[in-house]
Amino acid sequence: MPDTIEDDWIESVEELEERMDEYIHLRDQAHNAFEVRYHETIDPDKDRWELCSRVLSRRDIVDRLSAPW
């Protein structure tokens, strides 16, 4: 183990923290833009296919996917 910590390593960690903060900020902006556009037309809790407990026929799937938004 080295006796000292080099300045380059400290600068790299500080730069990483800055980039992570920027990434999180940009990710939140993208998420918010999606919510603004679709929050009135899409309900994330409605028709959750992963919670479906019955077997769907091909006709059920075609009917659901053919329904207008």
N, C-alpha and C. Protein backbone atom coordinates (compact mmCIF):
# COMPACT_ATOMS: atom_id res chain seq x y z
N MET A 1 0.85 -1.19 0.00
CA MET A 1 0.00 0.00 0.00
C MET A 1 0.89 1.24 0.00
N PRO A 2 0.57 2.21 -0.85
CA PRO A 2 1.43 3.41 -0.93
C PRO A 2 1.30 4.27 0.33
N ASP A 3 2.37 5.00 0.60
CA ASP A 3 2.39 5.89 1.76
C ASP A 3 1.60 7.17 1.52
N THR A 4 1.44 7.54 0.26
CA THR A 4 0.74 8.78 -0.07
C THR A 4 -0.31 8.52 -1.14
N ILE A 5 -1.25 9.41 -1.23
CA ILE A 5 -2.27 9.35 -2.29
C ILE A 5 -1.88 10.40 -3.32
N GLU A 6 -1.79 9.98 -4.56
CA GLU A 6 -1.38 10.91 -5.62
C GLU A 6 -2.54 11.85 -5.96
N ASP A 7 -2.18 13.05 -6.37
CA ASP A 7 -3.17 14.07 -6.72
C ASP A 7 -4.03 13.64 -7.90
N ASP A 8 -3.44 12.92 -8.85
CA ASP A 8 -4.21 12.47 -10.02
C ASP A 8 -5.39 11.63 -9.60
N TRP A 9 -5.22 10.78 -8.64
CA TRP A 9 -6.29 9.90 -8.18
C TRP A 9 -7.41 10.74 -7.56
N ILE A 10 -7.06 11.72 -6.77
CA ILE A 10 -8.06 12.58 -6.12
C ILE A 10 -8.84 13.36 -7.18
N GLU A 11 -8.14 13.90 -8.18
CA GLU A 11 -8.80 14.64 -9.24
C GLU A 11 -9.74 13.73 -10.03
N SER A 12 -9.34 12.49 -10.24
CA SER A 12 -10.19 11.55 -10.97
C SER A 12 -11.48 11.27 -10.21
N VAL A 13 -11.38 11.11 -8.92
CA VAL A 13 -12.57 10.86 -8.10
C VAL A 13 -13.48 12.08 -8.11
N GLU A 14 -12.91 13.25 -8.00
CA GLU A 14 -13.72 14.47 -8.02
C GLU A 14 -14.41 14.63 -9.38
N GLU A 15 -13.70 14.33 -10.47
CA GLU A 15 -14.30 14.40 -11.79
C GLU A 15 -15.42 13.37 -11.95
N LEU A 16 -15.21 12.18 -11.41
CA LEU A 16 -16.24 11.14 -11.46
C LEU A 16 -17.49 11.60 -10.73
N GLU A 17 -17.34 12.19 -9.57
CA GLU A 17 -18.49 12.68 -8.80
C GLU A 17 -19.25 13.75 -9.59
N GLU A 18 -18.52 14.66 -10.23
CA GLU A 18 -19.16 15.70 -11.03
C GLU A 18 -19.93 15.10 -12.19
N ARG A 19 -19.34 14.13 -12.87
CA ARG A 19 -20.01 13.50 -14.01
C ARG A 19 -21.23 12.69 -13.56
N MET A 20 -21.15 12.04 -12.43
CA MET A 20 -22.29 11.29 -11.91
C MET A 20 -23.44 12.24 -11.57
N ASP A 21 -23.12 13.37 -10.96
CA ASP A 21 -24.16 14.37 -10.66
C ASP A 21 -24.82 14.86 -11.94
N GLU A 22 -24.01 15.11 -12.97
CA GLU A 22 -24.55 15.57 -14.25
C GLU A 22 -25.43 14.48 -14.87
N TYR A 23 -24.97 13.24 -14.82
CA TYR A 23 -25.74 12.13 -15.39
C TYR A 23 -27.09 12.00 -14.68
N ILE A 24 -27.10 12.06 -13.37
CA ILE A 24 -28.34 11.93 -12.60
C ILE A 24 -29.28 13.07 -12.95
N HIS A 25 -28.74 14.27 -13.08
CA HIS A 25 -29.57 15.43 -13.44
C HIS A 25 -30.19 15.25 -14.83
N LEU A 26 -29.39 14.82 -15.80
CA LEU A 26 -29.90 14.62 -17.16
C LEU A 26 -30.91 13.48 -17.21
N ARG A 27 -30.68 12.43 -16.44
CA ARG A 27 -31.63 11.31 -16.40
C ARG A 27 -32.96 11.77 -15.83
N ASP A 28 -32.93 12.59 -14.79
CA ASP A 28 -34.18 13.12 -14.21
C ASP A 28 -34.91 14.01 -15.21
N GLN A 29 -34.16 14.80 -15.97
CA GLN A 29 -34.80 15.67 -16.98
C GLN A 29 -35.49 14.82 -18.04
N ALA A 30 -34.85 13.76 -18.50
CA ALA A 30 -35.45 12.90 -19.52
C ALA A 30 -36.70 12.22 -18.96
N HIS A 31 -36.66 11.77 -17.75
CA HIS A 31 -37.81 11.13 -17.11
C HIS A 31 -38.95 12.13 -16.99
N ASN A 32 -38.65 13.33 -16.58
CA ASN A 32 -39.69 14.34 -16.42
C ASN A 32 -40.30 14.72 -17.77
N ALA A 33 -39.51 14.77 -18.82
CA ALA A 33 -40.04 15.08 -20.15
C ALA A 33 -41.03 14.01 -20.60
N PHE A 34 -40.75 12.76 -20.32
CA PHE A 34 -41.65 11.67 -20.66
C PHE A 34 -42.96 11.81 -19.88
N GLU A 35 -42.87 12.12 -18.61
CA GLU A 35 -44.08 12.28 -17.80
C GLU A 35 -44.93 13.44 -18.30
N VAL A 36 -44.29 14.54 -18.67
CA VAL A 36 -45.04 15.70 -19.16
C VAL A 36 -45.79 15.33 -20.43
N ARG A 37 -45.16 14.57 -21.31
CA ARG A 37 -45.77 14.24 -22.59
C ARG A 37 -46.89 13.21 -22.44
N TYR A 38 -46.70 12.21 -21.58
CA TYR A 38 -47.61 11.07 -21.58
C TYR A 38 -48.43 10.88 -20.29
N HIS A 39 -48.30 11.74 -19.30
CA HIS A 39 -48.96 11.49 -18.02
C HIS A 39 -50.49 11.49 -18.13
N GLU A 40 -51.04 12.18 -19.10
CA GLU A 40 -52.50 12.21 -19.23
C GLU A 40 -53.05 11.04 -20.03
N THR A 41 -52.24 10.44 -20.89
CA THR A 41 -52.74 9.40 -21.79
C THR A 41 -52.34 7.99 -21.38
N ILE A 42 -51.31 7.84 -20.56
CA ILE A 42 -50.85 6.51 -20.18
C ILE A 42 -50.90 6.37 -18.67
N ASP A 43 -51.60 5.34 -18.22
CA ASP A 43 -51.66 5.04 -16.79
C ASP A 43 -50.75 3.82 -16.54
N PRO A 44 -49.64 4.00 -15.83
CA PRO A 44 -48.71 2.89 -15.66
C PRO A 44 -49.27 1.73 -14.84
N ASP A 45 -50.32 1.97 -14.07
CA ASP A 45 -50.89 0.90 -13.25
C ASP A 45 -52.04 0.19 -13.92
N LYS A 46 -52.42 0.61 -15.11
CA LYS A 46 -53.54 0.00 -15.81
C LYS A 46 -53.01 -1.06 -16.79
N ASP A 47 -53.69 -2.18 -16.88
CA ASP A 47 -53.35 -3.23 -17.84
C ASP A 47 -51.89 -3.67 -17.73
N ARG A 48 -51.48 -4.02 -16.56
CA ARG A 48 -50.11 -4.48 -16.36
C ARG A 48 -50.01 -5.94 -16.76
N TRP A 49 -49.41 -6.18 -17.91
CA TRP A 49 -49.33 -7.51 -18.48
C TRP A 49 -48.56 -8.48 -17.59
N GLU A 50 -47.56 -8.00 -16.88
CA GLU A 50 -46.75 -8.91 -16.06
C GLU A 50 -47.53 -9.47 -14.86
N LEU A 51 -48.67 -8.87 -14.54
CA LEU A 51 -49.48 -9.36 -13.44
C LEU A 51 -50.64 -10.23 -13.91
N CYS A 52 -50.69 -10.51 -15.19
CA CYS A 52 -51.78 -11.30 -15.75
C CYS A 52 -51.72 -12.73 -15.21
N SER A 53 -52.84 -13.21 -14.70
CA SER A 53 -52.85 -14.54 -14.08
C SER A 53 -53.54 -15.58 -14.95
N ARG A 54 -54.10 -15.19 -16.08
CA ARG A 54 -54.75 -16.17 -16.94
C ARG A 54 -54.02 -16.25 -18.27
N VAL A 55 -54.22 -17.34 -18.96
CA VAL A 55 -53.59 -17.53 -20.26
C VAL A 55 -54.38 -16.74 -21.30
N LEU A 56 -53.67 -15.99 -22.10
CA LEU A 56 -54.33 -15.17 -23.11
C LEU A 56 -54.30 -15.90 -24.45
N SER A 57 -55.40 -15.82 -25.14
CA SER A 57 -55.44 -16.39 -26.48
C SER A 57 -54.83 -15.39 -27.46
N ARG A 58 -54.51 -15.86 -28.63
CA ARG A 58 -53.98 -14.98 -29.66
C ARG A 58 -54.99 -13.88 -29.98
N ARG A 59 -56.26 -14.22 -29.96
CA ARG A 59 -57.32 -13.24 -30.26
C ARG A 59 -57.34 -12.13 -29.20
N ASP A 60 -57.17 -12.49 -27.92
CA ASP A 60 -57.11 -11.47 -26.86
C ASP A 60 -55.96 -10.49 -27.11
N ILE A 61 -54.83 -11.04 -27.51
CA ILE A 61 -53.66 -10.19 -27.75
C ILE A 61 -53.89 -9.28 -28.94
N VAL A 62 -54.43 -9.83 -30.03
CA VAL A 62 -54.69 -9.02 -31.23
C VAL A 62 -55.70 -7.93 -30.91
N ASP A 63 -56.76 -8.26 -30.16
CA ASP A 63 -57.76 -7.26 -29.80
C ASP A 63 -57.14 -6.14 -28.98
N ARG A 64 -56.30 -6.49 -28.01
CA ARG A 64 -55.70 -5.48 -27.13
C ARG A 64 -54.73 -4.60 -27.89
N LEU A 65 -53.90 -5.22 -28.73
CA LEU A 65 -52.92 -4.43 -29.48
C LEU A 65 -53.54 -3.63 -30.61
N SER A 66 -54.74 -4.01 -31.03
CA SER A 66 -55.43 -3.27 -32.09
C SER A 66 -56.24 -2.09 -31.56
N ALA A 67 -56.43 -2.04 -30.26
CA ALA A 67 -57.21 -0.96 -29.64
C ALA A 67 -56.47 0.37 -29.83
N PRO A 68 -57.21 1.43 -30.14
CA PRO A 68 -56.56 2.74 -30.32
C PRO A 68 -56.07 3.30 -28.97
N TRP A 69 -55.08 4.16 -29.06
CA TRP A 69 -54.56 4.79 -27.85
C TRP A 69 -55.48 5.89 -27.50
